[in-house]
């Protein structure tokens, strides 16, 4: 991806790499704070919390307590959906 972007924009791979690294850092920081991250036309990332619940061990059938977990969800934007559906 870095090589393709660098060639299309006529800039160095190192510069593209720095920009993408910074984008990753900013995205991670925002998600840690519970903020939604939207990339116009591409999609959005948001933090979702799965509450604690009682589950079971499939091997033994024993009930276990499953702790609350946090995960990142991605929702594609209209432009991305349209491009993929063609």
PDB file of N, CA and C in Angstrom:
ATOM      1  N   UNK A   1       0.826  -1.186   0.000  1.00  0.00           N
ATOM      2  CA  UNK A   1       0.000   0.000   0.000  1.00  0.00           C
ATOM      3  C   UNK A   1       0.873   1.254   0.000  1.00  0.00           C
ATOM      4  N   UNK A   2       1.918   1.221   0.796  1.00  0.00           N
ATOM      5  CA  UNK A   2       2.804   2.382   0.881  1.00  0.00           C
ATOM      6  C   UNK A   2       3.421   2.695  -0.482  1.00  0.00           C
ATOM      7  N   UNK A   3       3.872   1.669  -1.167  1.00  0.00           N
ATOM      8  CA  UNK A   3       4.498   1.859  -2.473  1.00  0.00           C
ATOM      9  C   UNK A   3       3.509   2.440  -3.484  1.00  0.00           C
ATOM     10  N   UNK A   4       2.306   1.918  -3.507  1.00  0.00           N
ATOM     11  CA  UNK A   4       1.281   2.389  -4.451  1.00  0.00           C
ATOM     12  C   UNK A   4       0.941   3.853  -4.189  1.00  0.00           C
ATOM     13  N   UNK A   5       0.731   4.205  -2.932  1.00  0.00           N
ATOM     14  CA  UNK A   5       0.398   5.594  -2.593  1.00  0.00           C
ATOM     15  C   UNK A   5       1.553   6.524  -2.962  1.00  0.00           C
ATOM     16  N   UNK A   6       2.769   6.117  -2.646  1.00  0.00           N
ATOM     17  CA  UNK A   6       3.949   6.939  -2.962  1.00  0.00           C
ATOM     18  C   UNK A   6       4.054   7.189  -4.464  1.00  0.00           C
ATOM     19  N   UNK A   7       3.831   6.149  -5.251  1.00  0.00           N
ATOM     20  CA  UNK A   7       3.906   6.293  -6.706  1.00  0.00           C
ATOM     21  C   UNK A   7       2.800   7.204  -7.236  1.00  0.00           C
ATOM     22  N   UNK A   8       1.597   7.044  -6.725  1.00  0.00           N
ATOM     23  CA  UNK A   8       0.469   7.864  -7.200  1.00  0.00           C
ATOM     24  C   UNK A   8       0.635   9.330  -6.850  1.00  0.00           C
ATOM     25  N   UNK A   9       1.199   9.611  -5.664  1.00  0.00           N
ATOM     26  CA  UNK A   9       1.342  10.995  -5.222  1.00  0.00           C
ATOM     27  C   UNK A   9       2.686  11.605  -5.587  1.00  0.00           C
ATOM     28  N   UNK A  10       3.611  10.779  -6.009  1.00  0.00           N
ATOM     29  CA  UNK A  10       4.931  11.278  -6.372  1.00  0.00           C
ATOM     30  C   UNK A  10       5.743  11.735  -5.173  1.00  0.00           C
ATOM     31  N   UNK A  11       5.569  11.067  -4.041  1.00  0.00           N
ATOM     32  CA  UNK A  11       6.340  11.373  -2.836  1.00  0.00           C
ATOM     33  C   UNK A  11       7.057  10.108  -2.377  1.00  0.00           C
ATOM     34  N   UNK A  12       7.946  10.255  -1.428  1.00  0.00           N
ATOM     35  CA  UNK A  12       8.741   9.100  -0.995  1.00  0.00           C
ATOM     36  C   UNK A  12       7.914   8.130  -0.159  1.00  0.00           C
ATOM     37  N   UNK A  13       8.359   6.876  -0.197  1.00  0.00           N
ATOM     38  CA  UNK A  13       7.706   5.843   0.618  1.00  0.00           C
ATOM     39  C   UNK A  13       7.850   6.165   2.096  1.00  0.00           C
ATOM     40  N   UNK A  14       8.964   6.776   2.464  1.00  0.00           N
ATOM     41  CA  UNK A  14       9.199   7.130   3.861  1.00  0.00           C
ATOM     42  C   UNK A  14       8.156   8.136   4.352  1.00  0.00           C
ATOM     43  N   UNK A  15       7.841   9.121   3.518  1.00  0.00           N
ATOM     44  CA  UNK A  15       6.823  10.117   3.893  1.00  0.00           C
ATOM     45  C   UNK A  15       5.445   9.473   4.034  1.00  0.00           C
ATOM     46  N   UNK A  16       5.101   8.608   3.098  1.00  0.00           N
ATOM     47  CA  UNK A  16       3.816   7.918   3.161  1.00  0.00           C
ATOM     48  C   UNK A  16       3.759   7.063   4.423  1.00  0.00           C
ATOM     49  N   UNK A  17       4.833   6.369   4.709  1.00  0.00           N
ATOM     50  CA  UNK A  17       4.892   5.525   5.894  1.00  0.00           C
ATOM     51  C   UNK A  17       4.680   6.340   7.171  1.00  0.00           C
ATOM     52  N   UNK A  18       5.307   7.516   7.236  1.00  0.00           N
ATOM     53  CA  UNK A  18       5.150   8.393   8.412  1.00  0.00           C
ATOM     54  C   UNK A  18       3.706   8.836   8.572  1.00  0.00           C
ATOM     55  N   UNK A  19       3.061   9.190   7.472  1.00  0.00           N
ATOM     56  CA  UNK A  19       1.664   9.638   7.526  1.00  0.00           C
ATOM     57  C   UNK A  19       0.756   8.495   7.983  1.00  0.00           C
ATOM     58  N   UNK A  20       0.950   7.306   7.423  1.00  0.00           N
ATOM     59  CA  UNK A  20       0.111   6.171   7.817  1.00  0.00           C
ATOM     60  C   UNK A  20       0.347   5.769   9.270  1.00  0.00           C
ATOM     61  N   UNK A  21       1.587   5.829   9.722  1.00  0.00           N
ATOM     62  CA  UNK A  21       1.893   5.537  11.131  1.00  0.00           C
ATOM     63  C   UNK A  21       1.182   6.535  12.049  1.00  0.00           C
ATOM     64  N   UNK A  22       1.206   7.799  11.658  1.00  0.00           N
ATOM     65  CA  UNK A  22       0.541   8.829  12.467  1.00  0.00           C
ATOM     66  C   UNK A  22      -0.978   8.621  12.464  1.00  0.00           C
ATOM     67  N   UNK A  23      -1.523   8.254  11.317  1.00  0.00           N
ATOM     68  CA  UNK A  23      -2.959   7.960  11.229  1.00  0.00           C
ATOM     69  C   UNK A  23      -3.323   6.818  12.173  1.00  0.00           C
ATOM     70  N   UNK A  24      -2.501   5.784  12.183  1.00  0.00           N
ATOM     71  CA  UNK A  24      -2.735   4.664  13.104  1.00  0.00           C
ATOM     72  C   UNK A  24      -2.686   5.120  14.555  1.00  0.00           C
ATOM     73  N   UNK A  25      -1.684   5.912  14.901  1.00  0.00           N
ATOM     74  CA  UNK A  25      -1.538   6.387  16.278  1.00  0.00           C
ATOM     75  C   UNK A  25      -2.738   7.226  16.717  1.00  0.00           C
ATOM     76  N   UNK A  26      -3.147   8.146  15.854  1.00  0.00           N
ATOM     77  CA  UNK A  26      -4.287   9.018  16.179  1.00  0.00           C
ATOM     78  C   UNK A  26      -5.561   8.194  16.335  1.00  0.00           C
ATOM     79  N   UNK A  27      -5.742   7.215  15.466  1.00  0.00           N
ATOM     80  CA  UNK A  27      -6.925   6.353  15.530  1.00  0.00           C
ATOM     81  C   UNK A  27      -6.951   5.563  16.832  1.00  0.00           C
ATOM     82  N   UNK A  28      -5.831   4.976  17.193  1.00  0.00           N
ATOM     83  CA  UNK A  28      -5.752   4.194  18.431  1.00  0.00           C
ATOM     84  C   UNK A  28      -6.013   5.073  19.647  1.00  0.00           C
ATOM     85  N   UNK A  29      -5.415   6.256  19.684  1.00  0.00           N
ATOM     86  CA  UNK A  29      -5.616   7.162  20.812  1.00  0.00           C
ATOM     87  C   UNK A  29      -7.090   7.549  20.959  1.00  0.00           C
ATOM     88  N   UNK A  30      -7.734   7.853  19.851  1.00  0.00           N
ATOM     89  CA  UNK A  30      -9.155   8.241  19.891  1.00  0.00           C
ATOM     90  C   UNK A  30     -10.019   7.078  20.363  1.00  0.00           C
ATOM     91  N   UNK A  31      -9.759   5.885  19.871  1.00  0.00           N
ATOM     92  CA  UNK A  31     -10.552   4.719  20.277  1.00  0.00           C
ATOM     93  C   UNK A  31     -10.349   4.399  21.756  1.00  0.00           C
ATOM     94  N   UNK A  32      -9.136   4.579  22.252  1.00  0.00           N
ATOM     95  CA  UNK A  32      -8.883   4.353  23.677  1.00  0.00           C
ATOM     96  C   UNK A  32      -9.731   5.282  24.542  1.00  0.00           C
ATOM     97  N   UNK A  33      -9.975   6.501  24.039  1.00  0.00           N
ATOM     98  CA  UNK A  33     -10.791   7.474  24.755  1.00  0.00           C
ATOM     99  C   UNK A  33     -12.284   7.223  24.566  1.00  0.00           C
ATOM    100  N   UNK A  34     -12.631   6.254  23.733  1.00  0.00           N
ATOM    101  CA  UNK A  34     -14.027   5.954  23.476  1.00  0.00           C
ATOM    102  C   UNK A  34     -14.636   6.801  22.373  1.00  0.00           C
ATOM    103  N   UNK A  35     -13.789   7.501  21.624  1.00  0.00           N
ATOM    104  CA  UNK A  35     -14.272   8.360  20.544  1.00  0.00           C
ATOM    105  C   UNK A  35     -14.438   7.559  19.257  1.00  0.00           C
ATOM    106  N   UNK A  36     -15.372   7.984  18.427  1.00  0.00           N
ATOM    107  CA  UNK A  36     -15.589   7.378  17.123  1.00  0.00           C
ATOM    108  C   UNK A  36     -14.646   8.037  16.126  1.00  0.00           C
ATOM    109  N   UNK A  37     -14.059   7.240  15.226  1.00  0.00           N
ATOM    110  CA  UNK A  37     -13.135   7.751  14.219  1.00  0.00           C
ATOM    111  C   UNK A  37     -13.773   7.536  12.847  1.00  0.00           C
ATOM    112  N   UNK A  38     -13.969   8.634  12.112  1.00  0.00           N
ATOM    113  CA  UNK A  38     -14.589   8.552  10.797  1.00  0.00           C
ATOM    114  C   UNK A  38     -13.615   9.020   9.728  1.00  0.00           C
ATOM    115  N   UNK A  39     -13.438   8.192   8.709  1.00  0.00           N
ATOM    116  CA  UNK A  39     -12.636   8.537   7.545  1.00  0.00           C
ATOM    117  C   UNK A  39     -13.628   8.720   6.401  1.00  0.00           C
ATOM    118  N   UNK A  40     -13.861   9.944   6.024  1.00  0.00           N
ATOM    119  CA  UNK A  40     -14.883  10.298   5.057  1.00  0.00           C
ATOM    120  C   UNK A  40     -14.796   9.438   3.795  1.00  0.00           C
ATOM    121  N   UNK A  41     -15.911   8.813   3.441  1.00  0.00           N
ATOM    122  CA  UNK A  41     -15.984   7.978   2.258  1.00  0.00           C
ATOM    123  C   UNK A  41     -15.494   6.558   2.466  1.00  0.00           C
ATOM    124  N   UNK A  42     -14.661   6.348   3.476  1.00  0.00           N
ATOM    125  CA  UNK A  42     -14.105   5.025   3.728  1.00  0.00           C
ATOM    126  C   UNK A  42     -14.924   4.264   4.758  1.00  0.00           C
ATOM    127  N   UNK A  43     -15.115   4.871   5.930  1.00  0.00           N
ATOM    128  CA  UNK A  43     -15.887   4.217   6.971  1.00  0.00           C
ATOM    129  C   UNK A  43     -15.555   4.768   8.339  1.00  0.00           C
ATOM    130  N   UNK A  44     -16.098   4.109   9.354  1.00  0.00           N
ATOM    131  CA  UNK A  44     -15.859   4.577  10.717  1.00  0.00           C
ATOM    132  C   UNK A  44     -15.514   3.413  11.635  1.00  0.00           C
ATOM    133  N   UNK A  45     -14.702   3.742  12.635  1.00  0.00           N
ATOM    134  CA  UNK A  45     -14.294   2.793  13.658  1.00  0.00           C
ATOM    135  C   UNK A  45     -14.870   3.280  14.982  1.00  0.00           C
ATOM    136  N   UNK A  46     -15.345   2.346  15.795  1.00  0.00           N
ATOM    137  CA  UNK A  46     -15.818   2.732  17.118  1.00  0.00           C
ATOM    138  C   UNK A  46     -15.561   1.598  18.101  1.00  0.00           C
ATOM    139  N   UNK A  47     -15.461   1.988  19.350  1.00  0.00           N
ATOM    140  CA  UNK A  47     -15.219   1.033  20.415  1.00  0.00           C
ATOM    141  C   UNK A  47     -16.558   0.466  20.875  1.00  0.00           C
ATOM    142  N   UNK A  48     -16.631  -0.831  21.005  1.00  0.00           N
ATOM    143  CA  UNK A  48     -17.831  -1.479  21.534  1.00  0.00           C
ATOM    144  C   UNK A  48     -17.447  -2.299  22.760  1.00  0.00           C
ATOM    145  N   UNK A  49     -18.322  -2.263  23.731  1.00  0.00           N
ATOM    146  CA  UNK A  49     -18.085  -2.990  24.973  1.00  0.00           C
ATOM    147  C   UNK A  49     -19.064  -4.153  25.049  1.00  0.00           C
ATOM    148  N   UNK A  50     -18.526  -5.339  25.254  1.00  0.00           N
ATOM    149  CA  UNK A  50     -19.354  -6.522  25.466  1.00  0.00           C
ATOM    150  C   UNK A  50     -19.418  -6.729  26.975  1.00  0.00           C
ATOM    151  N   UNK A  51     -20.616  -6.703  27.508  1.00  0.00           N
ATOM    152  CA  UNK A  51     -20.767  -6.787  28.957  1.00  0.00           C
ATOM    153  C   UNK A  51     -20.397  -8.178  29.481  1.00  0.00           C
ATOM    154  N   UNK A  52     -20.077  -8.204  30.763  1.00  0.00           N
ATOM    155  CA  UNK A  52     -19.761  -9.473  31.424  1.00  0.00           C
ATOM    156  C   UNK A  52     -21.018 -10.340  31.434  1.00  0.00           C
ATOM    157  N   UNK A  53     -20.810 -11.636  31.321  1.00  0.00           N
ATOM    158  CA  UNK A  53     -21.951 -12.551  31.330  1.00  0.00           C
ATOM    159  C   UNK A  53     -21.506 -13.946  31.749  1.00  0.00           C
ATOM    160  N   UNK A  54     -22.478 -14.791  31.981  1.00  0.00           N
ATOM    161  CA  UNK A  54     -22.193 -16.173  32.329  1.00  0.00           C
ATOM    162  C   UNK A  54     -22.201 -17.002  31.050  1.00  0.00           C
ATOM    163  N   UNK A  55     -21.123 -17.734  30.828  1.00  0.00           N
ATOM    164  CA  UNK A  55     -21.026 -18.608  29.671  1.00  0.00           C
ATOM    165  C   UNK A  55     -20.838 -20.026  30.139  1.00  0.00           C
ATOM    166  N   UNK A  56     -20.453 -20.894  29.236  1.00  0.00           N
ATOM    167  CA  UNK A  56     -20.176 -22.270  29.641  1.00  0.00           C
ATOM    168  C   UNK A  56     -19.007 -22.823  28.841  1.00  0.00           C
ATOM    169  N   UNK A  57     -18.296 -23.728  29.456  1.00  0.00           N
ATOM    170  CA  UNK A  57     -17.187 -24.416  28.823  1.00  0.00           C
ATOM    171  C   UNK A  57     -17.786 -25.483  27.912  1.00  0.00           C
ATOM    172  N   UNK A  58     -17.535 -25.425  26.598  1.00  0.00           N
ATOM    173  CA  UNK A  58     -18.160 -26.388  25.696  1.00  0.00           C
ATOM    174  C   UNK A  58     -17.708 -27.831  25.917  1.00  0.00           C
ATOM    175  N   UNK A  59     -16.533 -28.023  26.482  1.00  0.00           N
ATOM    176  CA  UNK A  59     -16.051 -29.392  26.728  1.00  0.00           C
ATOM    177  C   UNK A  59     -16.706 -30.021  27.947  1.00  0.00           C
ATOM    178  N   UNK A  60     -16.817 -29.228  29.020  1.00  0.00           N
ATOM    179  CA  UNK A  60     -17.311 -29.797  30.279  1.00  0.00           C
ATOM    180  C   UNK A  60     -18.741 -29.376  30.600  1.00  0.00           C
ATOM    181  N   UNK A  61     -19.232 -28.329  29.954  1.00  0.00           N
ATOM    182  CA  UNK A  61     -20.566 -27.826  30.259  1.00  0.00           C
ATOM    183  C   UNK A  61     -20.585 -26.957  31.509  1.00  0.00           C
ATOM    184  N   UNK A  62     -19.429 -26.806  32.156  1.00  0.00           N
ATOM    185  CA  UNK A  62     -19.327 -26.025  33.386  1.00  0.00           C
ATOM    186  C   UNK A  62     -19.582 -24.541  33.096  1.00  0.00           C
ATOM    187  N   UNK A  63     -20.332 -23.883  33.983  1.00  0.00           N
ATOM    188  CA  UNK A  63     -20.585 -22.460  33.828  1.00  0.00           C
ATOM    189  C   UNK A  63     -19.343 -21.672  34.233  1.00  0.00           C
ATOM    190  N   UNK A  64     -19.070 -20.622  33.460  1.00  0.00           N
ATOM    191  CA  UNK A  64     -17.934 -19.751  33.753  1.00  0.00           C
ATOM    192  C   UNK A  64     -18.379 -18.296  33.609  1.00  0.00           C
ATOM    193  N   UNK A  65     -17.696 -17.430  34.319  1.00  0.00           N
ATOM    194  CA  UNK A  65     -17.972 -15.999  34.212  1.00  0.00           C
ATOM    195  C   UNK A  65     -17.050 -15.409  33.144  1.00  0.00           C
ATOM    196  N   UNK A  66     -17.634 -14.782  32.140  1.00  0.00           N
ATOM    197  CA  UNK A  66     -16.877 -14.149  31.074  1.00  0.00           C
ATOM    198  C   UNK A  66     -16.777 -12.661  31.403  1.00  0.00           C
ATOM    199  N   UNK A  67     -15.565 -12.144  31.454  1.00  0.00           N
ATOM    200  CA  UNK A  67     -15.347 -10.742  31.813  1.00  0.00           C
ATOM    201  C   UNK A  67     -15.800  -9.810  30.686  1.00  0.00           C
ATOM    202  N   UNK A  68     -16.024  -8.560  31.066  1.00  0.00           N
ATOM    203  CA  UNK A  68     -16.339  -7.529  30.091  1.00  0.00           C
ATOM    204  C   UNK A  68     -15.156  -7.365  29.144  1.00  0.00           C
ATOM    205  N   UNK A  69     -15.438  -7.231  27.852  1.00  0.00           N
ATOM    206  CA  UNK A  69     -14.374  -7.036  26.867  1.00  0.00           C
ATOM    207  C   UNK A  69     -14.680  -5.823  26.005  1.00  0.00           C
ATOM    208  N   UNK A  70     -13.614  -5.247  25.476  1.00  0.00           N
ATOM    209  CA  UNK A  70     -13.738  -4.105  24.562  1.00  0.00           C
ATOM    210  C   UNK A  70     -13.218  -4.548  23.209  1.00  0.00           C
ATOM    211  N   UNK A  71     -13.903  -4.141  22.152  1.00  0.00           N
ATOM    212  CA  UNK A  71     -13.486  -4.491  20.806  1.00  0.00           C
ATOM    213  C   UNK A  71     -13.735  -3.318  19.867  1.00  0.00           C
ATOM    214  N   UNK A  72     -13.081  -3.334  18.730  1.00  0.00           N
ATOM    215  CA  UNK A  72     -13.246  -2.275  17.740  1.00  0.00           C
ATOM    216  C   UNK A  72     -14.170  -2.787  16.635  1.00  0.00           C
ATOM    217  N   UNK A  73     -15.151  -1.968  16.296  1.00  0.00           N
ATOM    218  CA  UNK A  73     -16.071  -2.292  15.213  1.00  0.00           C
ATOM    219  C   UNK A  73     -15.832  -1.335  14.055  1.00  0.00           C
ATOM    220  N   UNK A  74     -15.950  -1.846  12.835  1.00  0.00           N
ATOM    221  CA  UNK A  74     -15.788  -1.036  11.635  1.00  0.00           C
ATOM    222  C   UNK A  74     -17.083  -1.054  10.839  1.00  0.00           C
ATOM    223  N   UNK A  75     -17.514   0.118  10.422  1.00  0.00           N
ATOM    224  CA  UNK A  75     -18.694   0.229   9.564  1.00  0.00           C
ATOM    225  C   UNK A  75     -18.258   0.924   8.283  1.00  0.00           C
ATOM    226  N   UNK A  76     -18.338   0.230   7.141  1.00  0.00           N
ATOM    227  CA  UNK A  76     -17.892   0.845   5.888  1.00  0.00           C
ATOM    228  C   UNK A  76     -18.792   2.005   5.482  1.00  0.00           C
ATOM    229  N   UNK A  77     -18.187   3.007   4.819  1.00  0.00           N
ATOM    230  CA  UNK A  77     -18.923   4.160   4.328  1.00  0.00           C
ATOM    231  C   UNK A  77     -19.591   3.859   2.993  1.00  0.00           C
ATOM    232  N   UNK A  78     -20.433   4.777   2.544  1.00  0.00           N
ATOM    233  CA  UNK A  78     -21.179   4.591   1.305  1.00  0.00           C
ATOM    234  C   UNK A  78     -20.273   4.418   0.096  1.00  0.00           C
ATOM    235  N   UNK A  79     -19.223   5.221   0.020  1.00  0.00           N
ATOM    236  CA  UNK A  79     -18.309   5.152  -1.125  1.00  0.00           C
ATOM    237  C   UNK A  79     -17.631   3.785  -1.185  1.00  0.00           C
ATOM    238  N   UNK A  80     -17.156   3.300  -0.063  1.00  0.00           N
ATOM    239  CA  UNK A  80     -16.500   1.991  -0.011  1.00  0.00           C
ATOM    240  C   UNK A  80     -17.481   0.886  -0.375  1.00  0.00           C
ATOM    241  N   UNK A  81     -18.670   0.929   0.192  1.00  0.00           N
ATOM    242  CA  UNK A  81     -19.685  -0.082  -0.118  1.00  0.00           C
ATOM    243  C   UNK A  81     -20.001  -0.104  -1.607  1.00  0.00           C
ATOM    244  N   UNK A  82     -20.208   1.075  -2.177  1.00  0.00           N
ATOM    245  CA  UNK A  82     -20.541   1.160  -3.605  1.00  0.00           C
ATOM    246  C   UNK A  82     -19.417   0.609  -4.476  1.00  0.00           C
ATOM    247  N   UNK A  83     -18.170   0.916  -4.123  1.00  0.00           N
ATOM    248  CA  UNK A  83     -17.028   0.459  -4.906  1.00  0.00           C
ATOM    249  C   UNK A  83     -16.883  -1.068  -4.841  1.00  0.00           C
ATOM    250  N   UNK A  84     -17.150  -1.638  -3.701  1.00  0.00           N
ATOM    251  CA  UNK A  84     -17.002  -3.076  -3.535  1.00  0.00           C
ATOM    252  C   UNK A  84     -18.157  -3.843  -4.193  1.00  0.00           C
ATOM    253  N   UNK A  85     -19.314  -3.241  -4.219  1.00  0.00           N
ATOM    254  CA  UNK A  85     -20.494  -3.904  -4.769  1.00  0.00           C
ATOM    255  C   UNK A  85     -20.504  -3.961  -6.295  1.00  0.00           C
ATOM    256  N   UNK A  86     -19.680  -3.147  -6.959  1.00  0.00           N
ATOM    257  CA  UNK A  86     -19.663  -3.135  -8.429  1.00  0.00           C
ATOM    258  C   UNK A  86     -19.122  -4.403  -8.999  1.00  0.00           C
TER     259      UNK A  86
END
